[in-house]
PDB file of N, CA and C in Angstrom:
ATOM      1  N   MET A   1      -8.718   4.773 -14.542  1.00  0.00           N
ATOM      2  CA  MET A   1      -7.339   5.172 -15.021  1.00  0.00           C
ATOM      3  C   MET A   1      -7.116   5.299 -16.315  1.00  0.00           C
ATOM      4  N   GLU A   2      -6.663   6.760 -16.554  1.00  0.00           N
ATOM      5  CA  GLU A   2      -6.355   7.298 -17.557  1.00  0.00           C
ATOM      6  C   GLU A   2      -5.337   6.976 -18.855  1.00  0.00           C
ATOM      7  N   ARG A   3      -5.270   7.064 -19.921  1.00  0.00           N
ATOM      8  CA  ARG A   3      -4.391   6.340 -20.857  1.00  0.00           C
ATOM      9  C   ARG A   3      -3.806   7.541 -21.253  1.00  0.00           C
ATOM     10  N   LEU A   4      -2.571   7.252 -22.190  1.00  0.00           N
ATOM     11  CA  LEU A   4      -1.978   8.665 -22.833  1.00  0.00           C
ATOM     12  C   LEU A   4      -2.819   8.162 -24.109  1.00  0.00           C
ATOM     13  N   GLU A   5      -3.368   9.272 -25.422  1.00  0.00           N
ATOM     14  CA  GLU A   5      -3.794   9.417 -26.591  1.00  0.00           C
ATOM     15  C   GLU A   5      -2.807   8.395 -27.166  1.00  0.00           C
ATOM     16  N   GLY A   6      -3.315   7.547 -28.036  1.00  0.00           N
ATOM     17  CA  GLY A   6      -2.911   6.878 -28.775  1.00  0.00           C
ATOM     18  C   GLY A   6      -1.385   5.734 -28.448  1.00  0.00           C
ATOM     19  N   GLN A   7      -0.863   5.848 -27.438  1.00  0.00           N
ATOM     20  CA  GLN A   7       0.215   4.904 -27.026  1.00  0.00           C
ATOM     21  C   GLN A   7      -0.052   3.849 -25.604  1.00  0.00           C
ATOM     22  N   GLY A   8      -1.465   3.914 -25.382  1.00  0.00           N
ATOM     23  CA  GLY A   8      -1.733   2.886 -24.270  1.00  0.00           C
ATOM     24  C   GLY A   8      -0.730   2.978 -23.080  1.00  0.00           C
ATOM     25  N   ILE A   9      -0.300   3.666 -22.664  1.00  0.00           N
ATOM     26  CA  ILE A   9       0.449   3.834 -21.278  1.00  0.00           C
ATOM     27  C   ILE A   9      -0.303   4.057 -20.487  1.00  0.00           C
ATOM     28  N   SER A  10      -0.364   3.251 -19.132  1.00  0.00           N
ATOM     29  CA  SER A  10      -1.448   3.709 -18.313  1.00  0.00           C
ATOM     30  C   SER A  10      -0.401   4.507 -17.060  1.00  0.00           C
ATOM     31  N   PHE A  11      -1.067   5.459 -16.235  1.00  0.00           N
ATOM     32  CA  PHE A  11      -0.246   6.106 -15.478  1.00  0.00           C
ATOM     33  C   PHE A  11      -0.283   4.974 -14.005  1.00  0.00           C
ATOM     34  N   ALA A  12      -1.013   3.908 -14.037  1.00  0.00           N
ATOM     35  CA  ALA A  12      -0.662   3.108 -12.840  1.00  0.00           C
ATOM     36  C   ALA A  12       0.652   2.696 -12.984  1.00  0.00           C
ATOM     37  N   ALA A  13       1.355   2.474 -13.766  1.00  0.00           N
ATOM     38  CA  ALA A  13       2.644   1.876 -13.820  1.00  0.00           C
ATOM     39  C   ALA A  13       3.648   2.887 -13.466  1.00  0.00           C
ATOM     40  N   GLU A  14       3.226   4.161 -13.763  1.00  0.00           N
ATOM     41  CA  GLU A  14       4.233   5.218 -13.174  1.00  0.00           C
ATOM     42  C   GLU A  14       3.808   5.078 -11.758  1.00  0.00           C
ATOM     43  N   ALA A  15       2.914   5.402 -11.250  1.00  0.00           N
ATOM     44  CA  ALA A  15       2.607   5.708  -9.893  1.00  0.00           C
ATOM     45  C   ALA A  15       3.306   4.223  -9.029  1.00  0.00           C
ATOM     46  N   THR A  16       3.049   3.272  -9.668  1.00  0.00           N
ATOM     47  CA  THR A  16       3.470   2.009  -9.132  1.00  0.00           C
ATOM     48  C   THR A  16       5.242   1.784  -8.723  1.00  0.00           C
ATOM     49  N   PHE A  17       6.005   2.555  -9.942  1.00  0.00           N
ATOM     50  CA  PHE A  17       7.171   2.447 -10.383  1.00  0.00           C
ATOM     51  C   PHE A  17       7.662   3.818  -9.398  1.00  0.00           C
ATOM     52  N   PHE A  18       7.069   4.961  -9.070  1.00  0.00           N
ATOM     53  CA  PHE A  18       7.290   5.670  -7.916  1.00  0.00           C
ATOM     54  C   PHE A  18       7.298   5.378  -6.637  1.00  0.00           C
ATOM     55  N   SER A  19       6.281   4.805  -6.309  1.00  0.00           N
ATOM     56  CA  SER A  19       5.903   3.950  -4.840  1.00  0.00           C
ATOM     57  C   SER A  19       6.880   2.945  -4.318  1.00  0.00           C
ATOM     58  N   GLU A  20       7.293   2.099  -5.380  1.00  0.00           N
ATOM     59  CA  GLU A  20       8.617   1.034  -4.852  1.00  0.00           C
ATOM     60  C   GLU A  20       9.493   1.742  -4.335  1.00  0.00           C
ATOM     61  N   PRO A  21      10.283   2.975  -4.435  1.00  0.00           N
ATOM     62  CA  PRO A  21      11.207   3.085  -3.310  1.00  0.00           C
ATOM     63  C   PRO A  21      10.773   3.617  -2.626  1.00  0.00           C
ATOM     64  N   ILE A  22       9.626   4.349  -2.019  1.00  0.00           N
ATOM     65  CA  ILE A  22       9.053   4.633  -0.918  1.00  0.00           C
ATOM     66  C   ILE A  22       8.761   3.158   0.252  1.00  0.00           C
ATOM     67  N   ALA A  23       8.093   1.891  -0.340  1.00  0.00           N
ATOM     68  CA  ALA A  23       8.405   0.961   0.041  1.00  0.00           C
ATOM     69  C   ALA A  23       9.610   0.211   0.453  1.00  0.00           C
ATOM     70  N   ASP A  24      10.554   0.839  -0.053  1.00  0.00           N
ATOM     71  CA  ASP A  24      11.700  -0.016   0.190  1.00  0.00           C
ATOM     72  C   ASP A  24      12.471   0.981   1.402  1.00  0.00           C
ATOM     73  N   LEU A  25      12.720   2.204   1.384  1.00  0.00           N
ATOM     74  CA  LEU A  25      12.525   2.944   2.396  1.00  0.00           C
ATOM     75  C   LEU A  25      11.923   3.024   3.945  1.00  0.00           C
ATOM     76  N   VAL A  26      10.821   2.406   3.629  1.00  0.00           N
ATOM     77  CA  VAL A  26       9.866   2.177   5.273  1.00  0.00           C
ATOM     78  C   VAL A  26      10.301   0.732   5.721  1.00  0.00           C
ATOM     79  N   ALA A  27      10.317  -0.545   4.558  1.00  0.00           N
ATOM     80  CA  ALA A  27      10.694  -1.759   5.174  1.00  0.00           C
ATOM     81  C   ALA A  27      12.102  -1.342   5.308  1.00  0.00           C
ATOM     82  N   ALA A  28      13.342  -0.896   5.301  1.00  0.00           N
ATOM     83  CA  ALA A  28      14.358  -0.716   5.426  1.00  0.00           C
ATOM     84  C   ALA A  28      14.587   0.035   6.742  1.00  0.00           C
ATOM     85  N   ALA A  29      13.651   1.081   6.879  1.00  0.00           N
ATOM     86  CA  ALA A  29      13.538   1.814   8.639  1.00  0.00           C
ATOM     87  C   ALA A  29      13.088   0.602   9.552  1.00  0.00           C
ATOM     88  N   VAL A  30      11.850  -0.085   9.234  1.00  0.00           N
ATOM     89  CA  VAL A  30      11.450  -1.323   9.936  1.00  0.00           C
ATOM     90  C   VAL A  30      12.235  -2.096  10.436  1.00  0.00           C
ATOM     91  N   THR A  31      13.067  -2.564   9.510  1.00  0.00           N
ATOM     92  CA  THR A  31      14.086  -3.548  10.108  1.00  0.00           C
ATOM     93  C   THR A  31      15.394  -3.198  10.764  1.00  0.00           C
ATOM     94  N   THR A  32      15.373  -1.698  10.426  1.00  0.00           N
ATOM     95  CA  THR A  32      16.482  -1.182  11.433  1.00  0.00           C
ATOM     96  C   THR A  32      16.084  -1.110  12.722  1.00  0.00           C
ATOM     97  N   VAL A  33      15.101  -0.718  12.794  1.00  0.00           N
ATOM     98  CA  VAL A  33      14.163  -0.385  14.377  1.00  0.00           C
ATOM     99  C   VAL A  33      14.135  -1.761  14.984  1.00  0.00           C
ATOM    100  N   LEU A  34      13.931  -2.782  14.115  1.00  0.00           N
ATOM    101  CA  LEU A  34      13.578  -4.439  14.966  1.00  0.00           C
ATOM    102  C   LEU A  34      15.167  -4.687  15.361  1.00  0.00           C
ATOM    103  N   PHE A  35      16.153  -4.532  14.162  1.00  0.00           N
ATOM    104  CA  PHE A  35      17.371  -4.873  14.734  1.00  0.00           C
ATOM    105  C   PHE A  35      17.676  -4.121  16.033  1.00  0.00           C
ATOM    106  N   LEU A  36      17.863  -2.709  16.065  1.00  0.00           N
ATOM    107  CA  LEU A  36      18.004  -2.720  17.029  1.00  0.00           C
ATOM    108  C   LEU A  36      17.516  -2.697  18.154  1.00  0.00           C
ATOM    109  N   ARG A  37      16.621  -2.910  18.160  1.00  0.00           N
ATOM    110  CA  ARG A  37      15.352  -3.402  19.370  1.00  0.00           C
ATOM    111  C   ARG A  37      16.018  -4.747  19.870  1.00  0.00           C
ATOM    112  N   THR A  38      16.126  -5.796  19.119  1.00  0.00           N
ATOM    113  CA  THR A  38      16.220  -7.273  19.517  1.00  0.00           C
ATOM    114  C   THR A  38      17.382  -7.581  19.529  1.00  0.00           C
ATOM    115  N   PHE A  39      18.435  -7.050  18.829  1.00  0.00           N
ATOM    116  CA  PHE A  39      20.072  -7.394  18.741  1.00  0.00           C
ATOM    117  C   PHE A  39      20.380  -7.377  20.333  1.00  0.00           C
ATOM    118  N   PRO A  40      20.218  -6.389  21.002  1.00  0.00           N
ATOM    119  CA  PRO A  40      21.117  -6.710  22.139  1.00  0.00           C
ATOM    120  C   PRO A  40      20.332  -7.464  23.131  1.00  0.00           C
ATOM    121  N   GLY A  41      19.101  -7.676  23.198  1.00  0.00           N
ATOM    122  CA  GLY A  41      18.704  -8.634  23.930  1.00  0.00           C
ATOM    123  C   GLY A  41      19.120 -10.229  23.829  1.00  0.00           C
ATOM    124  N   ILE A  42      19.430 -10.059  22.487  1.00  0.00           N
ATOM    125  CA  ILE A  42      20.018 -11.780  21.558  1.00  0.00           C
ATOM    126  C   ILE A  42      21.626 -11.728  22.561  1.00  0.00           C
ATOM    127  N   LEU A  43      22.234 -10.713  22.031  1.00  0.00           N
ATOM    128  CA  LEU A  43      23.217 -10.577  22.939  1.00  0.00           C
ATOM    129  C   LEU A  43      23.715 -11.357  24.379  1.00  0.00           C
ATOM    130  N   ARG A  44      22.793 -10.330  25.050  1.00  0.00           N
ATOM    131  CA  ARG A  44      22.987 -10.591  26.282  1.00  0.00           C
ATOM    132  C   ARG A  44      22.197 -12.208  26.812  1.00  0.00           C
ATOM    133  N   ASP A  45      21.352 -12.405  26.160  1.00  0.00           N
ATOM    134  CA  ASP A  45      21.057 -14.166  26.377  1.00  0.00           C
ATOM    135  C   ASP A  45      22.114 -14.948  25.965  1.00  0.00           C
ATOM    136  N   CYS A  46      22.709 -14.564  25.112  1.00  0.00           N
ATOM    137  CA  CYS A  46      24.001 -15.478  24.645  1.00  0.00           C
ATOM    138  C   CYS A  46      25.090 -15.210  25.765  1.00  0.00           C
ATOM    139  N   VAL A  47      25.297 -14.091  25.733  1.00  0.00           N
ATOM    140  CA  VAL A  47      26.599 -13.764  27.114  1.00  0.00           C
ATOM    141  C   VAL A  47      26.297 -14.441  28.382  1.00  0.00           C
ATOM    142  N   ARG A  48      24.988 -14.301  28.803  1.00  0.00           N
ATOM    143  CA  ARG A  48      24.366 -15.136  29.877  1.00  0.00           C
ATOM    144  C   ARG A  48      24.747 -16.679  29.529  1.00  0.00           C
ATOM    145  N   THR A  49      24.365 -16.852  28.972  1.00  0.00           N
ATOM    146  CA  THR A  49      24.277 -18.334  28.383  1.00  0.00           C
ATOM    147  C   THR A  49      25.764 -19.068  28.382  1.00  0.00           C
ATOM    148  N   HIS A  50      27.135 -18.392  27.496  1.00  0.00           N
ATOM    149  CA  HIS A  50      28.074 -18.686  27.682  1.00  0.00           C
ATOM    150  C   HIS A  50      28.952 -18.555  28.873  1.00  0.00           C
ATOM    151  N   SER A  51      28.765 -17.641  29.483  1.00  0.00           N
ATOM    152  CA  SER A  51      29.470 -17.489  31.046  1.00  0.00           C
ATOM    153  C   SER A  51      28.826 -18.647  32.058  1.00  0.00           C
ATOM    154  N   ALA A  52      27.594 -18.895  31.645  1.00  0.00           N
ATOM    155  CA  ALA A  52      27.417 -19.966  32.881  1.00  0.00           C
ATOM    156  C   ALA A  52      27.809 -21.060  32.412  1.00  0.00           C
ATOM    157  N   VAL A  53      27.862 -21.404  31.088  1.00  0.00           N
ATOM    158  CA  VAL A  53      28.600 -22.781  30.870  1.00  0.00           C
ATOM    159  C   VAL A  53      29.826 -22.581  30.942  1.00  0.00           C
ATOM    160  N   ARG A  54      30.566 -21.464  30.897  1.00  0.00           N
ATOM    161  CA  ARG A  54      32.168 -21.392  31.438  1.00  0.00           C
ATOM    162  C   ARG A  54      32.581 -21.681  33.010  1.00  0.00           C
ATOM    163  N   ALA A  55      31.617 -21.133  33.597  1.00  0.00           N
ATOM    164  CA  ALA A  55      31.712 -20.882  35.026  1.00  0.00           C
ATOM    165  C   ALA A  55      31.335 -22.671  35.582  1.00  0.00           C
ATOM    166  N   ALA A  56      31.020 -23.291  34.982  1.00  0.00           N
ATOM    167  CA  ALA A  56      30.555 -24.821  35.433  1.00  0.00           C
ATOM    168  C   ALA A  56      31.851 -26.019  35.097  1.00  0.00           C
TER     169      ALA A  56
END
């Protein structure tokens, strides 16, 4: 790990700072894909359950 002369600032902190938004974007993309793939199935199950309750 390199340090700036006389300041004691590490470049690792800068790398961490710039990688955080990338991790946030990846997490948002994964969450969106999971939501879009699972939510319609959940709605279908709810409609099927509630329509069976109403018919009884």
